[in-house]
Amino acid sequence: MDELLTETPKAEPDSASKIIGLTGGIGSGKTTVAHYIENCGFPVYYSDERAKTIVNDNEDLKNKIKELLGPDSYDENGLYNRKFVGERVFTDTDLLHKLNEIIHPAVRLDFENWVSKQTKYLVFKETALLFELKLHLQCYKSLLVTSEDNIRIKRVMDRDGKTYREVETIMSNQMPEKDKIKQADFVIYNNTSLDDLEEQTEKIIFEIE
């Protein structure tokens, strides 16, 4: 669900909370930072994980996806067939766009419902494509987690068992880090230790006003 598309960004739902967009490329350590944020007492909405749940739980959404991609988009247990769907949309940008037009509104509504229940003065919206989809324009501030390319590649190879070339290909299809850094309000550089990563995270959180 990392490829959710949107046309014109809309303002986020009315809330006493300030919404901070949290993003980072593959292997950057974005999820680890999200956990540190939660440890500091601030809620995090995991957009990509919620999307994976919503495509299985929302019957109307399931029917629309089946209409678009066929019955094989869900397996014999009624679960979203990520492998089949991925193969269908991988080289068909028009089909991908149509799929995302179905999924994005459901995820957005889920986020609006979630944020309306929050009471902290800061809430974080984790999403892989914050800048690519211009979702940062919907947020009060944006926070990017980044790392040197070789470090990211090694992390993903160790974590997912992918080859160097496979990770390199994934990264080449993402927005360059230098472009993300230019757009981010805050940047965490995850090139050293977890202790340093946690220290940077806590420092930035309490710098946000």
Protein backbone atom coordinates (compact mmCIF):
# COMPACT_ATOMS: atom_id res chain seq x y z
CA MET A 1 0.00 0.00 0.00
CA ASP A 2 3.00 2.25 -0.22
CA GLU A 3 1.79 3.63 -3.53
CA LEU A 4 -1.37 5.40 -2.37
CA LEU A 5 -2.08 8.31 -4.70
CA THR A 6 -4.00 11.49 -4.14
CA GLU A 7 -4.99 14.28 -6.48
CA THR A 8 -5.24 17.57 -4.57
CA PRO A 9 -4.18 17.44 -0.92
CA LYS A 10 -6.95 18.41 1.44
CA ALA A 11 -6.60 19.94 4.86
CA GLU A 12 -6.40 17.43 7.66
CA PRO A 13 -9.44 16.98 9.92
CA ASP A 14 -10.14 19.61 12.57
CA SER A 15 -8.33 18.58 15.71
CA ALA A 16 -6.69 20.11 18.75
CA SER A 17 -3.67 18.01 17.85
CA LYS A 18 -0.93 19.12 15.47
CA ILE A 19 -0.28 16.48 12.82
CA ILE A 20 3.35 15.67 12.08
CA GLY A 21 4.13 13.71 8.93
CA LEU A 22 6.76 11.02 9.51
CA THR A 23 8.52 9.42 6.56
CA GLY A 24 11.68 7.71 5.39
CA GLY A 25 12.86 5.49 2.56
CA ILE A 26 13.37 1.75 2.77
CA GLY A 27 15.95 0.84 5.40
CA SER A 28 16.05 4.34 6.88
CA GLY A 29 14.82 3.34 10.33
CA LYS A 30 11.47 5.13 10.08
CA THR A 31 9.60 2.43 12.00
CA THR A 32 12.18 2.43 14.79
CA VAL A 33 11.78 6.20 15.12
CA ALA A 34 8.00 5.75 15.21
CA HIS A 35 8.40 3.39 18.16
CA TYR A 36 10.63 5.89 19.97
CA ILE A 37 7.96 8.53 19.41
CA GLU A 38 5.37 6.26 20.97
CA ASN A 39 7.70 5.65 23.90
CA CYS A 40 7.73 9.42 24.41
CA GLY A 41 3.97 9.28 24.81
CA PHE A 42 2.81 10.48 21.40
CA PRO A 43 0.45 8.45 19.19
CA VAL A 44 1.51 7.28 15.73
CA TYR A 45 -0.84 6.36 12.89
CA TYR A 46 0.82 3.76 10.67
CA SER A 47 -0.74 4.53 7.28
CA ASP A 48 0.83 1.68 5.35
CA GLU A 49 0.00 -0.95 7.96
CA ARG A 50 -3.56 0.33 8.33
CA ALA A 51 -4.01 0.13 4.56
CA LYS A 52 -3.07 -3.55 4.67
CA THR A 53 -5.77 -4.11 7.29
CA ILE A 54 -8.44 -2.01 5.62
CA VAL A 55 -8.26 -3.90 2.30
CA ASN A 56 -9.22 -7.04 4.24
CA ASP A 57 -11.81 -5.58 6.60
CA ASN A 58 -13.77 -3.20 4.38
CA GLU A 59 -16.29 -5.23 2.33
CA ASP A 60 -17.17 -2.35 0.02
CA LEU A 61 -13.48 -1.84 -0.69
CA LYS A 62 -12.97 -5.55 -1.34
CA ASN A 63 -15.78 -5.60 -3.87
CA LYS A 64 -14.39 -2.57 -5.72
CA ILE A 65 -10.91 -4.11 -5.86
CA LYS A 66 -12.34 -7.37 -7.21
CA GLU A 67 -14.26 -5.43 -9.86
CA LEU A 68 -11.07 -3.70 -10.92
CA LEU A 69 -8.57 -6.57 -10.75
CA GLY A 70 -10.71 -9.70 -10.76
CA PRO A 71 -11.56 -12.33 -8.12
CA ASP A 72 -7.92 -13.46 -7.81
CA SER A 73 -7.12 -10.20 -6.03
CA TYR A 74 -8.31 -12.08 -2.93
CA ASP A 75 -7.28 -15.63 -2.07
CA GLU A 76 -9.43 -18.61 -1.14
CA ASN A 77 -9.56 -17.36 2.46
CA GLY A 78 -10.85 -13.97 1.39
CA LEU A 79 -7.57 -12.22 2.13
CA TYR A 80 -5.94 -9.59 -0.06
CA ASN A 81 -3.58 -11.28 -2.51
CA ARG A 82 -0.65 -8.85 -2.41
CA LYS A 83 1.50 -10.94 -4.74
CA PHE A 84 -1.18 -11.14 -7.44
CA VAL A 85 -2.12 -7.47 -7.12
CA GLY A 86 1.53 -6.40 -7.15
CA GLU A 87 2.18 -8.31 -10.35
CA ARG A 88 -0.91 -6.78 -12.00
CA VAL A 89 -0.07 -3.16 -11.23
CA PHE A 90 3.75 -3.31 -11.32
CA THR A 91 4.04 -2.29 -14.98
CA ASP A 92 0.60 -0.71 -15.40
CA THR A 93 0.59 2.78 -13.92
CA ASP A 94 -2.99 3.42 -15.04
CA LEU A 95 -4.21 0.33 -13.20
CA LEU A 96 -2.15 1.30 -10.16
CA HIS A 97 -3.70 4.74 -10.18
CA LYS A 98 -7.21 3.27 -10.31
CA LEU A 99 -6.40 0.91 -7.44
CA ASN A 100 -5.07 3.75 -5.33
CA GLU A 101 -8.13 5.86 -6.08
CA ILE A 102 -10.17 3.08 -4.48
CA ILE A 103 -7.94 2.56 -1.45
CA HIS A 104 -6.88 6.08 -0.54
CA PRO A 105 -10.30 7.47 0.49
CA ALA A 106 -10.82 4.54 2.86
CA VAL A 107 -7.42 5.07 4.48
CA ARG A 108 -8.02 8.79 4.75
CA LEU A 109 -11.37 8.24 6.48
CA ASP A 110 -9.72 5.77 8.85
CA PHE A 111 -7.08 8.37 9.70
CA GLU A 112 -9.69 11.07 10.27
CA ASN A 113 -11.56 8.79 12.66
CA TRP A 114 -8.30 7.98 14.45
CA VAL A 115 -7.06 11.53 14.84
CA SER A 116 -10.43 12.77 16.10
CA LYS A 117 -9.99 10.51 19.13
CA GLN A 118 -6.50 11.72 20.03
CA THR A 119 -5.83 14.05 22.96
CA LYS A 120 -2.07 14.70 22.73
CA TYR A 121 -0.94 18.04 21.34
CA LEU A 122 1.16 16.19 18.73
CA VAL A 123 0.14 13.17 16.67
CA PHE A 124 2.30 11.52 14.03
CA LYS A 125 1.20 10.19 10.65
CA GLU A 126 3.69 7.62 9.38
CA THR A 127 3.63 7.14 5.63
CA ALA A 128 6.24 6.04 3.10
CA LEU A 129 5.33 8.56 0.40
CA LEU A 130 4.78 11.74 2.39
CA PHE A 131 6.55 14.00 -0.11
CA GLU A 132 5.85 12.02 -3.27
CA LEU A 133 2.12 12.40 -2.72
CA LYS A 134 2.43 15.92 -1.27
CA LEU A 135 0.84 14.71 1.96
CA HIS A 136 3.23 16.96 3.89
CA LEU A 137 1.06 19.87 2.74
CA GLN A 138 -1.68 18.44 4.95
CA CYS A 139 0.58 18.34 8.02
CA TYR A 140 1.73 20.94 10.51
CA LYS A 141 5.35 19.79 10.16
CA SER A 142 7.25 16.98 8.44
CA LEU A 143 9.93 14.71 9.89
CA LEU A 144 12.24 12.70 7.65
CA VAL A 145 14.39 9.76 8.76
CA THR A 146 17.32 9.22 6.41
CA SER A 147 20.54 7.22 6.17
CA GLU A 148 23.46 6.80 3.82
CA ASP A 149 22.55 4.56 0.88
CA ASN A 150 25.06 1.82 1.67
CA ILE A 151 23.80 1.57 5.24
CA ARG A 152 20.18 1.34 4.08
CA ILE A 153 21.03 -1.35 1.54
CA LYS A 154 22.80 -3.49 4.14
CA ARG A 155 19.92 -3.15 6.61
CA VAL A 156 17.37 -4.32 4.05
CA MET A 157 19.58 -7.17 2.84
CA ASP A 158 19.99 -8.38 6.43
CA ARG A 159 16.34 -7.84 7.31
CA ASP A 160 14.55 -9.11 4.19
CA GLY A 161 17.12 -11.42 2.60
CA LYS A 162 17.12 -9.37 -0.60
CA THR A 163 20.11 -9.06 -2.90
CA TYR A 164 22.10 -5.84 -3.27
CA ARG A 165 20.66 -5.32 -6.74
CA GLU A 166 17.07 -5.85 -5.55
CA VAL A 167 17.40 -3.23 -2.82
CA GLU A 168 19.18 -0.86 -5.19
CA THR A 169 16.29 -1.18 -7.65
CA ILE A 170 13.72 -0.40 -4.97
CA MET A 171 15.68 2.66 -3.88
CA SER A 172 16.07 3.88 -7.45
CA ASN A 173 12.28 4.00 -7.75
CA GLN A 174 11.93 6.22 -4.68
CA MET A 175 12.40 9.96 -4.45
CA PRO A 176 16.11 10.84 -3.98
CA GLU A 177 17.03 11.50 -0.37
CA LYS A 178 18.46 14.94 -1.20
CA ASP A 179 15.06 16.02 -2.51
CA LYS A 180 13.29 14.80 0.61
CA ILE A 181 15.79 16.57 2.85
CA LYS A 182 15.10 19.87 1.08
CA GLN A 183 11.38 19.55 1.80
CA ALA A 184 11.49 18.23 5.36
CA ASP A 185 11.04 20.52 8.36
CA PHE A 186 13.08 18.18 10.54
CA VAL A 187 15.63 15.52 9.57
CA ILE A 188 16.97 12.60 11.62
CA TYR A 189 20.21 11.08 10.33
CA ASN A 190 20.32 7.39 11.21
CA ASN A 191 23.93 6.53 10.40
CA THR A 192 25.38 5.50 13.75
CA SER A 193 23.80 3.84 16.77
CA LEU A 194 20.31 3.21 18.11
CA ASP A 195 21.16 5.32 21.15
CA ASP A 196 21.99 8.24 18.87
CA LEU A 197 18.81 7.65 16.87
CA GLU A 198 16.70 7.73 20.02
CA GLU A 199 18.46 10.86 21.27
CA GLN A 200 17.86 12.69 17.98
CA THR A 201 14.21 11.63 17.98
CA GLU A 202 13.55 12.90 21.50
CA LYS A 203 15.35 16.17 20.81
CA ILE A 204 13.34 16.92 17.69
CA ILE A 205 10.00 15.97 19.23
CA PHE A 206 10.41 18.53 21.95
CA GLU A 207 11.64 21.17 19.50
CA ILE A 208 8.32 21.09 17.66
CA GLU A 209 6.10 23.97 18.71
